Amino acid sequence: MPEHSTDTPVSGTTTEPQITRLSVNINEDTAAKLRWYKEHKGISITETVRRAVALLELVERETVDGNEVLLKSRDSKSVRQLWLI
């Protein structure tokens, strides 16, 4: 859970998207993985977290709907099912 969360409009209008600032505690292994992805893709840490959350949501929604998320090797010789616990 975030230590601090505020919903603050980007400007005074209500039609613009709101930004939520989160402060979280993660261990060094998780931080290193986020930094690796950030550097590998050349994106910000914020965009890295957005992508991670979007991927988590995609996998969760698919599995809740009864679908399987599969990882197929490039040569198509192996297929593995992705499980989130």
Protein backbone atom coordinates (compact mmCIF):
# COMPACT_ATOMS: atom_id res chain seq x y z
CA MET A 1 0.00 0.00 0.00
CA PRO A 2 1.22 3.52 -0.66
CA GLU A 3 2.51 5.50 2.27
CA HIS A 4 1.07 8.65 0.76
CA SER A 5 -1.53 9.14 -1.92
CA THR A 6 -3.11 12.36 -3.08
CA ASP A 7 -5.35 13.08 -6.04
CA THR A 8 -4.20 16.43 -7.32
CA PRO A 9 -5.51 17.96 -10.55
CA VAL A 10 -2.79 18.88 -13.05
CA SER A 11 -4.39 22.32 -13.29
CA GLY A 12 -7.47 24.01 -11.92
CA THR A 13 -9.83 22.51 -14.50
CA THR A 14 -11.76 19.33 -13.91
CA THR A 15 -11.48 18.12 -17.52
CA GLU A 16 -7.75 17.37 -17.34
CA PRO A 17 -6.47 14.03 -16.05
CA GLN A 18 -5.55 13.78 -12.41
CA ILE A 19 -2.15 12.64 -11.21
CA THR A 20 -1.70 10.53 -8.10
CA ARG A 21 1.67 10.65 -6.39
CA LEU A 22 2.60 7.36 -4.73
CA SER A 23 5.42 6.58 -2.37
CA VAL A 24 6.13 2.88 -1.92
CA ASN A 25 8.77 0.80 -0.20
CA ILE A 26 10.37 -1.93 -2.33
CA ASN A 27 13.36 -4.14 -1.75
CA GLU A 28 16.63 -3.67 -3.65
CA ASP A 29 15.97 -6.63 -5.97
CA THR A 30 12.67 -5.12 -7.15
CA ALA A 31 14.28 -1.68 -7.52
CA ALA A 32 17.07 -3.19 -9.61
CA LYS A 33 14.53 -4.87 -11.90
CA LEU A 34 12.68 -1.58 -12.38
CA ARG A 35 15.96 0.23 -13.09
CA TRP A 36 17.02 -2.46 -15.58
CA TYR A 37 13.75 -2.18 -17.52
CA LYS A 38 13.89 1.63 -17.43
CA GLU A 39 17.42 1.66 -18.83
CA HIS A 40 16.73 -1.15 -21.33
CA LYS A 41 13.74 0.72 -22.80
CA GLY A 42 15.06 4.25 -22.32
CA ILE A 43 11.96 5.39 -20.45
CA SER A 44 11.22 7.03 -17.12
CA ILE A 45 10.68 5.09 -13.92
CA THR A 46 7.10 6.41 -13.95
CA GLU A 47 6.50 4.92 -17.40
CA THR A 48 8.15 1.69 -16.25
CA VAL A 49 5.69 1.39 -13.36
CA ARG A 50 2.75 2.26 -15.66
CA ARG A 51 3.73 -0.55 -18.01
CA ALA A 52 4.18 -3.03 -15.18
CA VAL A 53 0.73 -2.22 -13.79
CA ALA A 54 -0.86 -2.44 -17.26
CA LEU A 55 0.72 -5.86 -17.84
CA LEU A 56 -0.39 -7.09 -14.43
CA GLU A 57 -3.94 -5.91 -15.11
CA LEU A 58 -3.99 -7.55 -18.56
CA VAL A 59 -2.86 -10.92 -17.21
CA GLU A 60 -5.22 -10.77 -14.25
CA ARG A 61 -8.26 -9.82 -16.36
CA GLU A 62 -7.55 -12.59 -18.85
CA THR A 63 -7.17 -15.25 -16.18
CA VAL A 64 -10.25 -14.05 -14.29
CA ASP A 65 -12.17 -14.41 -17.56
CA GLY A 66 -11.01 -18.03 -17.76
CA ASN A 67 -8.35 -17.48 -20.41
CA GLU A 68 -4.76 -18.72 -20.33
CA VAL A 69 -1.75 -16.49 -20.88
CA LEU A 70 0.86 -18.44 -22.80
CA LEU A 71 4.54 -17.85 -23.52
CA LYS A 72 5.69 -19.39 -26.79
CA SER A 73 9.34 -19.79 -27.74
CA ARG A 74 10.55 -18.16 -30.95
CA ASP A 75 10.86 -21.51 -32.66
CA SER A 76 7.37 -22.47 -31.43
CA LYS A 77 8.74 -25.68 -29.94
CA SER A 78 7.75 -24.87 -26.39
CA VAL A 79 4.73 -23.20 -24.86
CA ARG A 80 4.45 -22.35 -21.18
CA GLN A 81 1.49 -21.05 -19.25
CA LEU A 82 1.97 -17.88 -17.21
CA TRP A 83 0.49 -18.05 -13.71
CA LEU A 84 0.11 -15.22 -11.22
CA ILE A 85 -0.27 -16.20 -7.60
